[in-house]
């Protein structure tokens, strides 16, 4: 079964849930029981023993990697702000 990432727009708790493709519907936050949002992330294929495990791994620790991480943080914070404003 796939592993899905969720984040709560109220308390900002992030967590993972393993569930089947057929399961749907809202997922309550384990902390505050508010409805959460699915966070989409990069995935990697397992089984490799060498080389980067995800496309971003080759940038870890480099100036470009820090820039990409900062850009991702800005994007997530903007989405969270938009969600809070809608509620």
N, C-alpha and C. Protein backbone atom coordinates (compact mmCIF):
# COMPACT_ATOMS: atom_id res chain seq x y z
N UNK A 1 0.84 -1.18 0.00
CA UNK A 1 0.00 0.00 0.00
C UNK A 1 0.88 1.25 0.00
N UNK A 2 0.43 2.28 -0.69
CA UNK A 2 1.21 3.52 -0.74
C UNK A 2 1.19 4.27 0.59
N UNK A 3 2.21 5.05 0.78
CA UNK A 3 2.34 5.90 1.96
C UNK A 3 2.03 7.33 1.54
N UNK A 4 1.08 7.96 2.23
CA UNK A 4 0.67 9.32 1.90
C UNK A 4 1.06 10.28 3.01
N UNK A 5 1.49 11.48 2.62
CA UNK A 5 1.84 12.53 3.58
C UNK A 5 0.66 13.49 3.70
N UNK A 6 0.37 13.89 4.93
CA UNK A 6 -0.70 14.84 5.20
C UNK A 6 -0.18 15.94 6.12
N UNK A 7 -0.83 17.10 6.05
CA UNK A 7 -0.49 18.21 6.93
C UNK A 7 -1.79 18.89 7.35
N UNK A 8 -1.85 19.25 8.62
CA UNK A 8 -3.03 19.90 9.17
C UNK A 8 -2.90 21.41 9.00
N UNK A 9 -3.89 22.07 8.39
CA UNK A 9 -3.82 23.52 8.23
C UNK A 9 -4.04 24.28 9.54
N UNK A 10 -4.62 23.62 10.54
CA UNK A 10 -4.87 24.33 11.80
C UNK A 10 -3.67 24.27 12.74
N UNK A 11 -3.19 23.06 13.03
CA UNK A 11 -2.06 22.94 13.98
C UNK A 11 -0.73 22.69 13.28
N UNK A 12 -0.74 22.55 11.95
CA UNK A 12 0.44 22.34 11.12
C UNK A 12 1.19 21.04 11.41
N UNK A 13 0.49 20.09 12.01
CA UNK A 13 1.08 18.77 12.27
C UNK A 13 1.21 18.02 10.94
N UNK A 14 2.37 17.44 10.68
CA UNK A 14 2.60 16.65 9.47
C UNK A 14 2.73 15.18 9.87
N UNK A 15 2.12 14.30 9.07
CA UNK A 15 2.16 12.88 9.39
C UNK A 15 1.97 12.06 8.12
N UNK A 16 2.22 10.75 8.23
CA UNK A 16 2.09 9.83 7.12
C UNK A 16 1.04 8.78 7.44
N UNK A 17 0.34 8.34 6.39
CA UNK A 17 -0.64 7.26 6.54
C UNK A 17 -0.44 6.29 5.38
N UNK A 18 -0.45 5.02 5.71
CA UNK A 18 -0.39 3.98 4.68
C UNK A 18 -1.82 3.51 4.43
N UNK A 19 -2.30 3.69 3.20
CA UNK A 19 -3.65 3.25 2.87
C UNK A 19 -3.73 2.91 1.39
N UNK A 20 -4.74 2.14 1.04
CA UNK A 20 -4.87 1.67 -0.34
C UNK A 20 -5.36 2.78 -1.25
N UNK A 21 -5.22 2.57 -2.55
CA UNK A 21 -5.69 3.54 -3.54
C UNK A 21 -7.20 3.74 -3.44
N UNK A 22 -7.92 2.68 -3.09
CA UNK A 22 -9.38 2.77 -3.06
C UNK A 22 -9.91 3.55 -1.86
N UNK A 23 -9.11 3.66 -0.81
CA UNK A 23 -9.55 4.44 0.35
C UNK A 23 -9.52 5.91 -0.02
N UNK A 24 -10.55 6.60 0.33
CA UNK A 24 -10.61 8.02 0.02
C UNK A 24 -11.27 8.76 1.16
N UNK A 25 -11.56 9.99 0.90
CA UNK A 25 -12.24 10.79 1.91
C UNK A 25 -11.27 11.53 2.81
N UNK A 26 -11.83 12.36 3.66
CA UNK A 26 -10.99 13.19 4.53
C UNK A 26 -10.24 12.37 5.57
N UNK A 27 -9.08 12.88 5.95
CA UNK A 27 -8.26 12.25 6.97
C UNK A 27 -8.17 13.23 8.14
N UNK A 28 -8.64 12.85 9.33
CA UNK A 28 -8.56 13.77 10.47
C UNK A 28 -7.14 13.84 11.04
N UNK A 29 -6.81 15.01 11.54
CA UNK A 29 -5.51 15.21 12.18
C UNK A 29 -5.48 14.42 13.49
N UNK A 30 -4.41 13.66 13.74
CA UNK A 30 -4.34 12.91 15.00
C UNK A 30 -4.19 13.82 16.22
N UNK A 31 -3.76 15.08 16.01
CA UNK A 31 -3.61 16.00 17.14
C UNK A 31 -4.88 16.74 17.49
N UNK A 32 -5.51 17.38 16.47
CA UNK A 32 -6.65 18.26 16.74
C UNK A 32 -7.94 17.81 16.07
N UNK A 33 -7.92 16.73 15.31
CA UNK A 33 -9.08 16.16 14.62
C UNK A 33 -9.61 17.03 13.48
N UNK A 34 -8.91 18.08 13.08
CA UNK A 34 -9.31 18.91 11.94
C UNK A 34 -9.06 18.14 10.64
N UNK A 35 -9.76 18.50 9.59
CA UNK A 35 -9.56 17.87 8.29
C UNK A 35 -8.20 18.29 7.74
N UNK A 36 -7.45 17.34 7.23
CA UNK A 36 -6.10 17.61 6.75
C UNK A 36 -6.05 17.65 5.23
N UNK A 37 -4.91 18.04 4.72
CA UNK A 37 -4.67 18.08 3.29
C UNK A 37 -3.52 17.16 2.94
N UNK A 38 -3.65 16.51 1.79
CA UNK A 38 -2.57 15.64 1.34
C UNK A 38 -1.45 16.50 0.78
N UNK A 39 -0.22 16.17 1.16
CA UNK A 39 0.96 16.87 0.68
C UNK A 39 1.62 15.97 -0.36
N UNK A 40 1.83 16.49 -1.53
CA UNK A 40 2.45 15.70 -2.59
C UNK A 40 3.96 15.88 -2.51
N UNK A 41 4.67 14.79 -2.65
CA UNK A 41 6.12 14.84 -2.51
C UNK A 41 6.78 13.98 -3.58
N UNK A 42 8.07 14.14 -3.69
CA UNK A 42 8.86 13.36 -4.63
C UNK A 42 9.02 11.95 -4.06
N UNK A 43 8.95 10.97 -4.91
CA UNK A 43 9.15 9.60 -4.45
C UNK A 43 10.36 9.02 -5.16
N UNK A 44 10.85 7.93 -4.61
CA UNK A 44 11.97 7.25 -5.26
C UNK A 44 11.65 5.77 -5.36
N UNK A 45 12.32 5.10 -6.28
CA UNK A 45 12.17 3.68 -6.42
C UNK A 45 13.20 3.00 -5.54
N UNK A 46 12.79 2.02 -4.79
CA UNK A 46 13.70 1.31 -3.91
C UNK A 46 14.55 0.31 -4.66
N UNK A 47 15.51 -0.25 -3.95
CA UNK A 47 16.29 -1.32 -4.51
C UNK A 47 17.64 -0.89 -5.07
N UNK A 48 17.89 0.38 -5.17
CA UNK A 48 19.20 0.81 -5.67
C UNK A 48 20.20 0.81 -4.53
N UNK A 49 21.42 0.41 -4.82
CA UNK A 49 22.44 0.37 -3.78
C UNK A 49 23.46 1.48 -3.94
N UNK A 50 23.45 2.16 -5.07
CA UNK A 50 24.39 3.26 -5.25
C UNK A 50 23.69 4.38 -6.01
N UNK A 51 24.26 5.55 -5.95
CA UNK A 51 23.68 6.69 -6.64
C UNK A 51 22.63 7.37 -5.78
N UNK A 52 22.17 8.52 -6.23
CA UNK A 52 21.17 9.25 -5.45
C UNK A 52 19.85 8.48 -5.39
N UNK A 53 19.19 8.55 -4.25
CA UNK A 53 17.92 7.85 -4.07
C UNK A 53 16.73 8.65 -4.57
N UNK A 54 16.86 9.94 -4.70
CA UNK A 54 15.82 10.77 -5.29
C UNK A 54 16.50 11.82 -6.15
N UNK A 55 15.76 12.47 -7.03
CA UNK A 55 16.39 13.48 -7.89
C UNK A 55 17.06 14.60 -7.11
N UNK A 56 16.56 14.91 -5.91
CA UNK A 56 17.12 16.01 -5.14
C UNK A 56 18.35 15.62 -4.32
N UNK A 57 18.59 14.32 -4.13
CA UNK A 57 19.71 13.88 -3.29
C UNK A 57 21.06 14.39 -3.78
N UNK A 58 21.21 14.53 -5.07
CA UNK A 58 22.51 14.96 -5.59
C UNK A 58 22.82 16.41 -5.21
N UNK A 59 21.79 17.16 -4.78
CA UNK A 59 21.99 18.56 -4.40
C UNK A 59 22.15 18.76 -2.89
N UNK A 60 21.98 17.71 -2.10
CA UNK A 60 22.06 17.86 -0.64
C UNK A 60 23.41 18.44 -0.24
N UNK A 61 23.37 19.44 0.62
CA UNK A 61 24.60 20.05 1.12
C UNK A 61 25.21 21.08 0.21
N UNK A 62 24.72 21.19 -1.01
CA UNK A 62 25.27 22.17 -1.94
C UNK A 62 24.49 23.47 -1.86
N UNK A 63 25.05 24.57 -2.35
CA UNK A 63 24.29 25.83 -2.37
C UNK A 63 22.98 25.70 -3.14
N UNK A 64 23.00 24.96 -4.24
CA UNK A 64 21.77 24.79 -5.02
C UNK A 64 20.74 23.99 -4.23
N UNK A 65 21.18 22.99 -3.48
CA UNK A 65 20.26 22.20 -2.66
C UNK A 65 19.59 23.06 -1.60
N UNK A 66 20.37 23.95 -0.99
CA UNK A 66 19.80 24.86 0.01
C UNK A 66 18.80 25.80 -0.64
N UNK A 67 19.09 26.23 -1.85
CA UNK A 67 18.18 27.12 -2.58
C UNK A 67 16.88 26.37 -2.89
N UNK A 68 16.96 25.13 -3.36
CA UNK A 68 15.77 24.34 -3.66
C UNK A 68 14.95 24.09 -2.39
N UNK A 69 15.63 23.79 -1.28
CA UNK A 69 14.91 23.56 -0.02
C UNK A 69 14.18 24.83 0.43
N UNK A 70 14.82 25.97 0.28
CA UNK A 70 14.19 27.23 0.66
C UNK A 70 12.98 27.52 -0.23
N UNK A 71 13.10 27.24 -1.52
CA UNK A 71 11.97 27.46 -2.44
C UNK A 71 10.81 26.54 -2.08
N UNK A 72 11.10 25.30 -1.72
CA UNK A 72 10.05 24.37 -1.33
C UNK A 72 9.36 24.84 -0.05
N UNK A 73 10.13 25.34 0.91
CA UNK A 73 9.54 25.85 2.14
C UNK A 73 8.62 27.03 1.86
N UNK A 74 9.02 27.92 0.98
CA UNK A 74 8.19 29.07 0.63
C UNK A 74 6.88 28.60 0.01
N UNK A 75 6.96 27.62 -0.89
CA UNK A 75 5.76 27.12 -1.56
C UNK A 75 4.80 26.47 -0.55
N UNK A 76 5.33 25.65 0.35
CA UNK A 76 4.48 24.99 1.35
C UNK A 76 3.85 26.03 2.27
N UNK A 77 4.62 27.01 2.70
CA UNK A 77 4.08 28.04 3.58
C UNK A 77 2.99 28.85 2.89
N UNK A 78 3.15 29.12 1.60
CA UNK A 78 2.12 29.86 0.86
C UNK A 78 0.83 29.05 0.78
N UNK A 79 0.95 27.78 0.49
CA UNK A 79 -0.24 26.92 0.41
C UNK A 79 -0.93 26.86 1.77
N UNK A 80 -0.17 26.70 2.83
CA UNK A 80 -0.76 26.64 4.17
C UNK A 80 -1.46 27.94 4.52
N UNK A 81 -0.88 29.07 4.15
CA UNK A 81 -1.48 30.38 4.40
C UNK A 81 -2.80 30.51 3.62
N UNK A 82 -2.79 30.09 2.36
CA UNK A 82 -4.00 30.15 1.54
C UNK A 82 -5.12 29.28 2.14
N UNK A 83 -4.76 28.12 2.64
CA UNK A 83 -5.74 27.22 3.22
C UNK A 83 -6.34 27.84 4.49
N UNK A 84 -5.50 28.42 5.31
CA UNK A 84 -6.00 29.05 6.55
C UNK A 84 -6.92 30.20 6.24
N UNK A 85 -6.62 30.97 5.19
CA UNK A 85 -7.45 32.10 4.82
C UNK A 85 -8.82 31.66 4.31
N UNK A 86 -8.89 30.51 3.68
CA UNK A 86 -10.17 29.99 3.17
C UNK A 86 -11.06 29.51 4.31
N UNK A 87 -10.44 29.01 5.37
CA UNK A 87 -11.23 28.48 6.49
C UNK A 87 -11.60 29.59 7.36
